[in-house]
PDB file of N, CA and C in Angstrom:
ATOM      1  N   MET A   1    -224.165  55.244  51.120  1.00  0.00           N
ATOM      2  CA  MET A   1    -222.975  55.750  51.886  1.00  0.00           C
ATOM      3  C   MET A   1    -221.839  56.152  50.831  1.00  0.00           C
ATOM      4  N   ASN A   2    -221.250  57.278  51.102  1.00  0.00           N
ATOM      5  CA  ASN A   2    -220.206  57.430  50.182  1.00  0.00           C
ATOM      6  C   ASN A   2    -218.890  56.837  50.678  1.00  0.00           C
ATOM      7  N   SER A   3    -217.878  57.215  49.916  1.00  0.00           N
ATOM      8  CA  SER A   3    -216.446  56.465  50.274  1.00  0.00           C
ATOM      9  C   SER A   3    -215.934  56.680  51.522  1.00  0.00           C
ATOM     10  N   LYS A   4    -216.112  58.188  51.854  1.00  0.00           N
ATOM     11  CA  LYS A   4    -215.646  58.497  53.203  1.00  0.00           C
ATOM     12  C   LYS A   4    -216.239  57.849  54.362  1.00  0.00           C
ATOM     13  N   GLN A   5    -217.436  57.742  54.316  1.00  0.00           N
ATOM     14  CA  GLN A   5    -218.398  57.041  55.417  1.00  0.00           C
ATOM     15  C   GLN A   5    -217.892  55.494  55.448  1.00  0.00           C
ATOM     16  N   VAL A   6    -217.770  54.914  54.457  1.00  0.00           N
ATOM     17  CA  VAL A   6    -217.338  53.503  54.223  1.00  0.00           C
ATOM     18  C   VAL A   6    -215.953  53.352  54.918  1.00  0.00           C
ATOM     19  N   MET A   7    -214.967  54.342  54.591  1.00  0.00           N
ATOM     20  CA  MET A   7    -213.685  54.133  55.250  1.00  0.00           C
ATOM     21  C   MET A   7    -213.719  54.349  56.835  1.00  0.00           C
ATOM     22  N   ILE A   8    -214.641  55.305  57.206  1.00  0.00           N
ATOM     23  CA  ILE A   8    -214.781  55.600  58.585  1.00  0.00           C
ATOM     24  C   ILE A   8    -215.348  54.376  59.305  1.00  0.00           C
ATOM     25  N   VAL A   9    -216.272  53.698  58.844  1.00  0.00           N
ATOM     26  CA  VAL A   9    -216.855  52.557  59.414  1.00  0.00           C
ATOM     27  C   VAL A   9    -215.951  51.571  59.402  1.00  0.00           C
ATOM     28  N   ALA A  10    -215.028  51.431  58.379  1.00  0.00           N
ATOM     29  CA  ALA A  10    -214.073  50.195  58.238  1.00  0.00           C
ATOM     30  C   ALA A  10    -213.157  50.378  59.335  1.00  0.00           C
ATOM     31  N   VAL A  11    -212.583  51.654  59.665  1.00  0.00           N
ATOM     32  CA  VAL A  11    -211.606  51.896  60.715  1.00  0.00           C
ATOM     33  C   VAL A  11    -212.309  51.607  61.915  1.00  0.00           C
ATOM     34  N   LEU A  12    -213.458  51.961  62.208  1.00  0.00           N
ATOM     35  CA  LEU A  12    -214.046  51.760  63.431  1.00  0.00           C
ATOM     36  C   LEU A  12    -214.195  50.191  63.768  1.00  0.00           C
ATOM     37  N   ALA A  13    -214.706  49.495  62.722  1.00  0.00           N
ATOM     38  CA  ALA A  13    -214.548  48.008  62.909  1.00  0.00           C
ATOM     39  C   ALA A  13    -213.203  47.364  63.146  1.00  0.00           C
ATOM     40  N   ALA A  14    -212.227  48.006  62.529  1.00  0.00           N
ATOM     41  CA  ALA A  14    -210.879  47.460  62.629  1.00  0.00           C
ATOM     42  C   ALA A  14    -210.538  47.829  64.265  1.00  0.00           C
ATOM     43  N   VAL A  15    -210.904  48.971  64.819  1.00  0.00           N
ATOM     44  CA  VAL A  15    -210.105  49.232  65.980  1.00  0.00           C
ATOM     45  C   VAL A  15    -211.028  48.350  67.165  1.00  0.00           C
ATOM     46  N   LEU A  16    -212.211  48.332  66.895  1.00  0.00           N
ATOM     47  CA  LEU A  16    -213.147  47.443  67.814  1.00  0.00           C
ATOM     48  C   LEU A  16    -212.748  46.044  67.736  1.00  0.00           C
ATOM     49  N   THR A  17    -212.477  45.579  66.583  1.00  0.00           N
ATOM     50  CA  THR A  17    -212.009  44.236  66.547  1.00  0.00           C
ATOM     51  C   THR A  17    -210.661  43.810  67.292  1.00  0.00           C
ATOM     52  N   TRP A  18    -209.794  44.717  67.151  1.00  0.00           N
ATOM     53  CA  TRP A  18    -208.433  44.814  67.597  1.00  0.00           C
ATOM     54  C   TRP A  18    -208.649  44.899  69.342  1.00  0.00           C
ATOM     55  N   SER A  19    -209.430  45.621  69.690  1.00  0.00           N
ATOM     56  CA  SER A  19    -209.666  45.545  71.254  1.00  0.00           C
ATOM     57  C   SER A  19    -210.356  44.396  71.748  1.00  0.00           C
ATOM     58  N   THR A  20    -211.278  43.862  70.993  1.00  0.00           N
ATOM     59  CA  THR A  20    -211.803  42.472  71.438  1.00  0.00           C
ATOM     60  C   THR A  20    -210.842  41.539  71.410  1.00  0.00           C
ATOM     61  N   VAL A  21    -209.871  41.423  70.268  1.00  0.00           N
ATOM     62  CA  VAL A  21    -208.863  40.330  70.506  1.00  0.00           C
ATOM     63  C   VAL A  21    -207.888  40.557  71.545  1.00  0.00           C
ATOM     64  N   MET A  22    -207.530  41.895  71.857  1.00  0.00           N
ATOM     65  CA  MET A  22    -206.764  42.067  73.166  1.00  0.00           C
ATOM     66  C   MET A  22    -207.253  41.582  74.292  1.00  0.00           C
ATOM     67  N   THR A  23    -208.689  41.895  74.517  1.00  0.00           N
ATOM     68  CA  THR A  23    -209.262  41.347  75.589  1.00  0.00           C
ATOM     69  C   THR A  23    -209.491  40.009  75.711  1.00  0.00           C
ATOM     70  N   VAL A  24    -209.679  39.287  74.673  1.00  0.00           N
ATOM     71  CA  VAL A  24    -209.553  37.843  74.905  1.00  0.00           C
ATOM     72  C   VAL A  24    -208.302  37.164  75.124  1.00  0.00           C
ATOM     73  N   LEU A  25    -207.248  37.825  74.751  1.00  0.00           N
ATOM     74  CA  LEU A  25    -205.866  37.296  74.876  1.00  0.00           C
ATOM     75  C   LEU A  25    -205.455  37.824  76.331  1.00  0.00           C
ATOM     76  N   GLY A  26    -206.360  38.571  77.053  1.00  0.00           N
ATOM     77  CA  GLY A  26    -205.975  38.900  78.520  1.00  0.00           C
ATOM     78  C   GLY A  26    -205.155  39.998  78.579  1.00  0.00           C
ATOM     79  N   GLN A  27    -205.315  40.994  77.586  1.00  0.00           N
ATOM     80  CA  GLN A  27    -204.553  42.239  77.670  1.00  0.00           C
ATOM     81  C   GLN A  27    -205.400  43.275  78.276  1.00  0.00           C
ATOM     82  N   LEU A  28    -205.909  43.193  79.463  1.00  0.00           N
ATOM     83  CA  LEU A  28    -206.813  44.160  79.882  1.00  0.00           C
ATOM     84  C   LEU A  28    -206.194  45.454  80.350  1.00  0.00           C
ATOM     85  N   ALA A  29    -205.051  45.430  80.516  1.00  0.00           N
ATOM     86  CA  ALA A  29    -204.408  46.620  81.047  1.00  0.00           C
ATOM     87  C   ALA A  29    -204.209  47.593  79.687  1.00  0.00           C
ATOM     88  N   ALA A  30    -203.857  46.814  78.556  1.00  0.00           N
ATOM     89  CA  ALA A  30    -203.948  47.561  77.250  1.00  0.00           C
ATOM     90  C   ALA A  30    -205.138  48.171  76.749  1.00  0.00           C
ATOM     91  N   VAL A  31    -206.161  47.408  76.999  1.00  0.00           N
ATOM     92  CA  VAL A  31    -207.633  47.730  76.733  1.00  0.00           C
ATOM     93  C   VAL A  31    -208.155  48.935  77.556  1.00  0.00           C
ATOM     94  N   ALA A  32    -207.757  48.945  78.758  1.00  0.00           N
ATOM     95  CA  ALA A  32    -208.083  50.001  79.658  1.00  0.00           C
ATOM     96  C   ALA A  32    -207.461  51.329  79.391  1.00  0.00           C
ATOM     97  N   ALA A  33    -206.077  51.067  78.840  1.00  0.00           N
ATOM     98  CA  ALA A  33    -205.485  52.391  78.483  1.00  0.00           C
ATOM     99  C   ALA A  33    -206.077  53.151  77.080  1.00  0.00           C
ATOM    100  N   LEU A  34    -206.571  52.201  76.166  1.00  0.00           N
ATOM    101  CA  LEU A  34    -207.219  52.609  74.978  1.00  0.00           C
ATOM    102  C   LEU A  34    -208.628  53.022  75.111  1.00  0.00           C
ATOM    103  N   LEU A  35    -209.278  52.672  76.203  1.00  0.00           N
ATOM    104  CA  LEU A  35    -210.732  53.189  76.375  1.00  0.00           C
ATOM    105  C   LEU A  35    -211.145  54.711  76.097  1.00  0.00           C
ATOM    106  N   PRO A  36    -210.253  55.540  76.671  1.00  0.00           N
ATOM    107  CA  PRO A  36    -210.587  56.878  76.350  1.00  0.00           C
ATOM    108  C   PRO A  36    -210.640  57.354  74.922  1.00  0.00           C
ATOM    109  N   SER A  37    -209.308  56.914  74.279  1.00  0.00           N
ATOM    110  CA  SER A  37    -209.271  57.207  72.693  1.00  0.00           C
ATOM    111  C   SER A  37    -210.402  56.467  71.914  1.00  0.00           C
ATOM    112  N   LEU A  38    -210.745  55.187  72.484  1.00  0.00           N
ATOM    113  CA  LEU A  38    -211.771  54.557  71.776  1.00  0.00           C
ATOM    114  C   LEU A  38    -213.076  55.360  71.740  1.00  0.00           C
ATOM    115  N   GLY A  39    -213.377  55.749  72.975  1.00  0.00           N
ATOM    116  CA  GLY A  39    -214.597  56.843  73.185  1.00  0.00           C
ATOM    117  C   GLY A  39    -214.711  57.763  72.192  1.00  0.00           C
ATOM    118  N   LEU A  40    -213.432  58.621  72.114  1.00  0.00           N
ATOM    119  CA  LEU A  40    -213.301  59.627  71.207  1.00  0.00           C
ATOM    120  C   LEU A  40    -213.589  59.430  69.866  1.00  0.00           C
ATOM    121  N   LEU A  41    -212.972  58.151  69.546  1.00  0.00           N
ATOM    122  CA  LEU A  41    -213.132  57.724  68.019  1.00  0.00           C
ATOM    123  C   LEU A  41    -214.582  57.472  67.698  1.00  0.00           C
ATOM    124  N   ILE A  42    -215.178  56.786  68.638  1.00  0.00           N
ATOM    125  CA  ILE A  42    -216.722  56.617  68.312  1.00  0.00           C
ATOM    126  C   ILE A  42    -217.294  57.890  68.406  1.00  0.00           C
ATOM    127  N   GLN A  43    -217.245  58.798  69.152  1.00  0.00           N
ATOM    128  CA  GLN A  43    -217.930  60.075  69.165  1.00  0.00           C
ATOM    129  C   GLN A  43    -217.614  60.873  67.973  1.00  0.00           C
ATOM    130  N   GLN A  44    -216.436  60.847  67.431  1.00  0.00           N
ATOM    131  CA  GLN A  44    -216.055  61.597  66.123  1.00  0.00           C
ATOM    132  C   GLN A  44    -216.688  60.997  64.911  1.00  0.00           C
ATOM    133  N   ILE A  45    -216.562  59.604  64.915  1.00  0.00           N
ATOM    134  CA  ILE A  45    -217.446  58.931  63.810  1.00  0.00           C
ATOM    135  C   ILE A  45    -218.889  59.221  63.791  1.00  0.00           C
ATOM    136  N   ILE A  46    -219.517  59.258  65.040  1.00  0.00           N
ATOM    137  CA  ILE A  46    -220.867  59.426  65.091  1.00  0.00           C
ATOM    138  C   ILE A  46    -221.182  60.908  64.616  1.00  0.00           C
ATOM    139  N   SER A  47    -220.553  61.780  65.008  1.00  0.00           N
ATOM    140  CA  SER A  47    -220.395  63.170  64.536  1.00  0.00           C
ATOM    141  C   SER A  47    -220.330  63.300  63.062  1.00  0.00           C
ATOM    142  N   ALA A  48    -219.250  62.611  62.337  1.00  0.00           N
ATOM    143  CA  ALA A  48    -218.955  62.565  61.034  1.00  0.00           C
ATOM    144  C   ALA A  48    -220.057  62.115  60.243  1.00  0.00           C
ATOM    145  N   LEU A  49    -220.746  61.047  60.793  1.00  0.00           N
ATOM    146  CA  LEU A  49    -221.828  60.406  60.012  1.00  0.00           C
ATOM    147  C   LEU A  49    -223.243  61.134  60.135  1.00  0.00           C
ATOM    148  N   GLY A  50    -223.347  61.706  61.408  1.00  0.00           N
ATOM    149  CA  GLY A  50    -224.598  62.424  61.413  1.00  0.00           C
ATOM    150  C   GLY A  50    -224.435  63.972  60.914  1.00  0.00           C
ATOM    151  N   GLY A  51    -223.377  64.343  60.675  1.00  0.00           N
ATOM    152  CA  GLY A  51    -223.269  65.693  60.149  1.00  0.00           C
ATOM    153  C   GLY A  51    -223.248  66.753  61.127  1.00  0.00           C
ATOM    154  N   THR A  52    -223.222  66.580  62.499  1.00  0.00           N
ATOM    155  CA  THR A  52    -223.244  67.467  63.402  1.00  0.00           C
ATOM    156  C   THR A  52    -221.959  67.424  64.336  1.00  0.00           C
ATOM    157  N   ALA A  53    -221.709  68.867  64.713  1.00  0.00           N
ATOM    158  CA  ALA A  53    -220.583  68.857  65.642  1.00  0.00           C
ATOM    159  C   ALA A  53    -220.885  68.622  66.935  1.00  0.00           C
ATOM    160  N   VAL A  54    -220.248  67.933  67.654  1.00  0.00           N
ATOM    161  CA  VAL A  54    -220.286  67.617  69.107  1.00  0.00           C
ATOM    162  C   VAL A  54    -219.255  68.573  69.924  1.00  0.00           C
ATOM    163  N   ARG A  55    -219.855  69.496  70.813  1.00  0.00           N
ATOM    164  CA  ARG A  55    -219.006  70.564  71.408  1.00  0.00           C
ATOM    165  C   ARG A  55    -219.179  70.322  72.950  1.00  0.00           C
ATOM    166  N   SER A  56    -218.085  70.013  73.615  1.00  0.00           N
ATOM    167  CA  SER A  56    -218.216  69.897  75.001  1.00  0.00           C
ATOM    168  C   SER A  56    -218.132  71.328  75.750  1.00  0.00           C
ATOM    169  N   GLY A  57    -218.870  71.411  76.742  1.00  0.00           N
ATOM    170  CA  GLY A  57    -219.040  72.707  77.566  1.00  0.00           C
ATOM    171  C   GLY A  57    -220.080  73.812  76.736  1.00  0.00           C
ATOM    172  N   THR A  58    -220.936  73.319  75.970  1.00  0.00           N
ATOM    173  CA  THR A  58    -221.721  74.355  75.305  1.00  0.00           C
ATOM    174  C   THR A  58    -223.196  74.077  75.832  1.00  0.00           C
ATOM    175  N   THR A  59    -223.942  75.032  76.102  1.00  0.00           N
ATOM    176  CA  THR A  59    -225.406  74.903  76.458  1.00  0.00           C
ATOM    177  C   THR A  59    -226.240  75.593  75.278  1.00  0.00           C
ATOM    178  N   ALA A  60    -227.429  74.910  75.371  1.00  0.00           N
ATOM    179  CA  ALA A  60    -228.261  75.425  74.208  1.00  0.00           C
ATOM    180  C   ALA A  60    -228.728  76.926  74.515  1.00  0.00           C
ATOM    181  N   ALA A  61    -228.919  77.379  75.945  1.00  0.00           N
ATOM    182  CA  ALA A  61    -229.299  78.672  76.111  1.00  0.00           C
ATOM    183  C   ALA A  61    -228.026  79.747  76.339  1.00  0.00           C
ATOM    184  N   SER A  62    -227.509  80.128  75.533  1.00  0.00           N
ATOM    185  CA  SER A  62    -226.360  81.043  75.782  1.00  0.00           C
ATOM    186  C   SER A  62    -226.892  82.366  75.636  1.00  0.00           C
ATOM    187  N   PRO A  63    -226.085  83.123  76.434  1.00  0.00           N
ATOM    188  CA  PRO A  63    -226.693  84.604  76.517  1.00  0.00           C
ATOM    189  C   PRO A  63    -226.351  85.550  74.975  1.00  0.00           C
ATOM    190  N   ALA A  64    -227.209  86.298  74.587  1.00  0.00           N
ATOM    191  CA  ALA A  64    -226.970  87.024  73.405  1.00  0.00           C
ATOM    192  C   ALA A  64    -225.507  87.616  73.317  1.00  0.00           C
ATOM    193  N   GLY A  65    -224.792  87.469  72.150  1.00  0.00           N
ATOM    194  CA  GLY A  65    -223.557  88.124  72.165  1.00  0.00           C
ATOM    195  C   GLY A  65    -222.505  87.336  72.713  1.00  0.00           C
ATOM    196  N   SER A  66    -222.598  86.237  73.049  1.00  0.00           N
ATOM    197  CA  SER A  66    -221.504  85.574  73.849  1.00  0.00           C
ATOM    198  C   SER A  66    -220.760  84.629  72.879  1.00  0.00           C
ATOM    199  N   GLU A  67    -221.368  84.582  71.653  1.00  0.00           N
ATOM    200  CA  GLU A  67    -220.526  83.477  70.395  1.00  0.00           C
ATOM    201  C   GLU A  67    -219.217  84.124  70.223  1.00  0.00           C
ATOM    202  N   GLU A  68    -218.338  83.361  69.880  1.00  0.00           N
ATOM    203  CA  GLU A  68    -217.173  83.798  69.314  1.00  0.00           C
ATOM    204  C   GLU A  68    -217.391  84.339  67.923  1.00  0.00           C
ATOM    205  N   PRO A  69    -216.666  85.257  67.428  1.00  0.00           N
ATOM    206  CA  PRO A  69    -216.901  85.665  66.025  1.00  0.00           C
ATOM    207  C   PRO A  69    -216.154  84.526  65.082  1.00  0.00           C
ATOM    208  N   SER A  70    -216.765  84.218  63.967  1.00  0.00           N
ATOM    209  CA  SER A  70    -216.514  83.299  63.038  1.00  0.00           C
ATOM    210  C   SER A  70    -215.316  83.730  62.240  1.00  0.00           C
ATOM    211  N   ARG A  71    -214.434  82.751  61.960  1.00  0.00           N
ATOM    212  CA  ARG A  71    -213.091  83.147  61.273  1.00  0.00           C
ATOM    213  C   ARG A  71    -213.146  82.455  59.827  1.00  0.00           C
TER     214      ARG A  71
END
């Protein structure tokens, strides 16, 4: 693992630990508010570690010529 991946995993562990502590202390409303951002955080970390981009709304079989030009 390179240093970038180690940092990503450390941040993920810190966020998940903080969420667990909040839940144990009874802050369920705060945890419920954070769930969408935690889901996105986990998705981005998995994407970064796997080296693949996760794009919503795309399909494997798109018509020819429908791709956006690269910039």
